[in-house]
Amino acid sequence: MTEKVMTPEQIKELILQYGGIDGDHHKQWLIDQILRGVTGEHYDVTVEQWNHGEDGPNTYEWDIGIAP
């Protein structure tokens, strides 16, 4: 089963709804939601690949933030 990714319109609405909320932890949540929306079922692989940076596994740590 293929997960549907977000449309540009859905991403725009998400940004407009939550982009103005103060707090870095809420902004990170918004970024995470957008990444989930554009990567769909490939989200986990995308984050895992990003975490595995130039210095090997766990070079970086993805922050999912806190929902507003």
N, C-alpha and C. Protein backbone atom coordinates (compact mmCIF):
# COMPACT_ATOMS: atom_id res chain seq x y z
N MET A 1 0.84 -1.18 0.00
CA MET A 1 0.00 0.00 0.00
C MET A 1 0.88 1.24 0.00
N THR A 2 0.63 2.15 -0.91
CA THR A 2 1.42 3.37 -1.02
C THR A 2 0.73 4.50 -0.28
N GLU A 3 1.48 5.13 0.60
CA GLU A 3 0.96 6.26 1.36
C GLU A 3 0.99 7.51 0.49
N LYS A 4 -0.09 8.25 0.49
CA LYS A 4 -0.18 9.48 -0.29
C LYS A 4 0.58 10.60 0.40
N VAL A 5 1.38 11.31 -0.36
CA VAL A 5 2.09 12.46 0.19
C VAL A 5 1.21 13.70 0.11
N MET A 6 1.57 14.72 0.86
CA MET A 6 0.77 15.95 0.91
C MET A 6 0.89 16.72 -0.40
N THR A 7 -0.18 17.37 -0.76
CA THR A 7 -0.17 18.25 -1.92
C THR A 7 0.43 19.60 -1.50
N PRO A 8 0.89 20.38 -2.46
CA PRO A 8 1.37 21.73 -2.11
C PRO A 8 0.30 22.54 -1.37
N GLU A 9 -0.94 22.37 -1.72
CA GLU A 9 -2.03 23.10 -1.04
C GLU A 9 -2.12 22.68 0.43
N GLN A 10 -2.00 21.39 0.69
CA GLN A 10 -2.05 20.90 2.07
C GLN A 10 -0.86 21.41 2.88
N ILE A 11 0.31 21.45 2.26
CA ILE A 11 1.50 21.97 2.93
C ILE A 11 1.31 23.45 3.24
N LYS A 12 0.79 24.18 2.28
CA LYS A 12 0.54 25.61 2.49
C LYS A 12 -0.41 25.83 3.66
N GLU A 13 -1.47 25.08 3.72
CA GLU A 13 -2.45 25.21 4.80
C GLU A 13 -1.82 24.88 6.16
N LEU A 14 -0.99 23.86 6.20
CA LEU A 14 -0.31 23.49 7.44
C LEU A 14 0.60 24.63 7.91
N ILE A 15 1.35 25.20 6.99
CA ILE A 15 2.23 26.32 7.32
C ILE A 15 1.43 27.51 7.80
N LEU A 16 0.36 27.85 7.11
CA LEU A 16 -0.45 28.99 7.51
C LEU A 16 -1.13 28.78 8.85
N GLN A 17 -1.51 27.55 9.14
CA GLN A 17 -2.19 27.25 10.39
C GLN A 17 -1.25 27.27 11.58
N TYR A 18 -0.04 26.75 11.41
CA TYR A 18 0.87 26.58 12.54
C TYR A 18 2.15 27.41 12.48
N GLY A 19 2.45 28.02 11.37
CA GLY A 19 3.71 28.74 11.21
C GLY A 19 3.87 29.96 12.09
N GLY A 20 2.79 30.53 12.54
CA GLY A 20 2.86 31.73 13.37
C GLY A 20 2.92 31.46 14.86
N ILE A 21 2.95 30.21 15.25
CA ILE A 21 2.97 29.86 16.68
C ILE A 21 4.40 29.98 17.19
N ASP A 22 4.56 30.71 18.30
CA ASP A 22 5.88 30.92 18.88
C ASP A 22 6.45 29.64 19.47
N GLY A 23 7.76 29.59 19.51
CA GLY A 23 8.47 28.49 20.15
C GLY A 23 9.21 27.63 19.15
N ASP A 24 10.51 27.50 19.36
CA ASP A 24 11.33 26.68 18.46
C ASP A 24 10.84 25.24 18.40
N HIS A 25 10.39 24.71 19.54
CA HIS A 25 9.92 23.32 19.58
C HIS A 25 8.66 23.14 18.72
N HIS A 26 7.84 24.18 18.62
CA HIS A 26 6.65 24.12 17.76
C HIS A 26 7.04 24.27 16.28
N LYS A 27 8.03 25.11 16.01
CA LYS A 27 8.51 25.26 14.63
C LYS A 27 9.12 23.95 14.14
N GLN A 28 9.87 23.28 15.03
CA GLN A 28 10.47 22.00 14.65
C GLN A 28 9.38 20.97 14.37
N TRP A 29 8.31 20.99 15.14
CA TRP A 29 7.18 20.09 14.90
C TRP A 29 6.61 20.34 13.51
N LEU A 30 6.46 21.61 13.15
CA LEU A 30 5.93 21.96 11.84
C LEU A 30 6.85 21.45 10.73
N ILE A 31 8.14 21.64 10.89
CA ILE A 31 9.10 21.14 9.90
C ILE A 31 8.99 19.62 9.78
N ASP A 32 8.87 18.95 10.93
CA ASP A 32 8.74 17.50 10.91
C ASP A 32 7.46 17.07 10.18
N GLN A 33 6.36 17.77 10.43
CA GLN A 33 5.10 17.43 9.77
C GLN A 33 5.20 17.60 8.26
N ILE A 34 5.89 18.65 7.84
CA ILE A 34 6.07 18.88 6.40
C ILE A 34 6.93 17.78 5.81
N LEU A 35 8.02 17.42 6.51
CA LEU A 35 8.86 16.33 6.01
C LEU A 35 8.07 15.04 5.90
N ARG A 36 7.25 14.74 6.90
CA ARG A 36 6.41 13.54 6.85
C ARG A 36 5.47 13.61 5.64
N GLY A 37 4.93 14.80 5.41
CA GLY A 37 3.99 14.99 4.31
C GLY A 37 4.60 14.81 2.94
N VAL A 38 5.84 15.25 2.78
CA VAL A 38 6.46 15.15 1.46
C VAL A 38 7.18 13.83 1.22
N THR A 39 7.56 13.14 2.31
CA THR A 39 8.27 11.87 2.12
C THR A 39 7.34 10.66 2.23
N GLY A 40 6.17 10.85 2.84
CA GLY A 40 5.21 9.75 2.95
C GLY A 40 5.81 8.54 3.65
N GLU A 41 5.67 7.39 3.02
CA GLU A 41 6.13 6.16 3.63
C GLU A 41 7.66 6.08 3.72
N HIS A 42 8.35 7.02 3.12
CA HIS A 42 9.82 7.04 3.14
C HIS A 42 10.38 7.91 4.26
N TYR A 43 9.50 8.42 5.13
CA TYR A 43 9.92 9.30 6.23
C TYR A 43 11.01 8.68 7.09
N ASP A 44 10.79 7.47 7.59
CA ASP A 44 11.75 6.83 8.49
C ASP A 44 13.11 6.65 7.83
N VAL A 45 13.10 6.24 6.58
CA VAL A 45 14.36 6.05 5.85
C VAL A 45 15.06 7.39 5.65
N THR A 46 14.30 8.41 5.33
CA THR A 46 14.86 9.75 5.13
C THR A 46 15.55 10.24 6.39
N VAL A 47 14.88 10.13 7.53
CA VAL A 47 15.45 10.58 8.80
C VAL A 47 16.66 9.73 9.17
N GLU A 48 16.58 8.43 8.96
CA GLU A 48 17.71 7.55 9.27
C GLU A 48 18.93 7.92 8.43
N GLN A 49 18.72 8.20 7.16
CA GLN A 49 19.83 8.59 6.29
C GLN A 49 20.41 9.93 6.72
N TRP A 50 19.57 10.85 7.14
CA TRP A 50 20.03 12.16 7.60
C TRP A 50 20.83 12.02 8.89
N ASN A 51 20.36 11.18 9.81
CA ASN A 51 21.06 10.95 11.07
C ASN A 51 22.46 10.39 10.84
N HIS A 52 22.61 9.62 9.79
CA HIS A 52 23.89 9.00 9.45
C HIS A 52 24.68 10.00 8.61
N GLY A 53 25.36 10.92 9.28
CA GLY A 53 26.08 11.99 8.59
C GLY A 53 27.49 11.61 8.22
N GLU A 54 28.28 12.62 7.95
CA GLU A 54 29.66 12.40 7.50
C GLU A 54 30.54 11.72 8.55
N ASP A 55 30.12 11.75 9.81
CA ASP A 55 30.89 11.09 10.88
C ASP A 55 30.29 9.75 11.29
N GLY A 56 29.42 9.19 10.47
CA GLY A 56 28.85 7.88 10.75
C GLY A 56 27.50 7.95 11.42
N PRO A 57 27.05 6.80 11.92
CA PRO A 57 25.73 6.72 12.56
C PRO A 57 25.60 7.73 13.71
N ASN A 58 24.42 8.27 13.83
CA ASN A 58 24.10 9.21 14.91
C ASN A 58 24.94 10.48 14.89
N THR A 59 25.39 10.88 13.69
CA THR A 59 26.08 12.17 13.56
C THR A 59 25.11 13.28 13.94
N TYR A 60 23.87 13.14 13.50
CA TYR A 60 22.83 14.12 13.79
C TYR A 60 21.67 13.43 14.49
N GLU A 61 20.85 14.22 15.13
CA GLU A 61 19.65 13.69 15.77
C GLU A 61 18.45 14.50 15.30
N TRP A 62 17.49 13.84 14.70
CA TRP A 62 16.28 14.52 14.21
C TRP A 62 15.36 14.81 15.38
N ASP A 63 14.90 16.04 15.45
CA ASP A 63 14.01 16.48 16.52
C ASP A 63 12.60 16.59 15.94
N ILE A 64 11.65 15.84 16.50
CA ILE A 64 10.28 15.88 15.98
C ILE A 64 9.48 17.05 16.56
N GLY A 65 10.06 17.76 17.52
CA GLY A 65 9.40 18.91 18.08
C GLY A 65 8.22 18.55 18.97
N ILE A 66 7.44 19.57 19.31
CA ILE A 66 6.26 19.40 20.15
C ILE A 66 5.07 20.04 19.46
N ALA A 67 4.01 19.30 19.33
CA ALA A 67 2.79 19.83 18.68
C ALA A 67 2.25 21.01 19.45
N PRO A 68 1.81 22.04 18.73
CA PRO A 68 1.22 23.21 19.41
C PRO A 68 -0.09 22.86 20.10
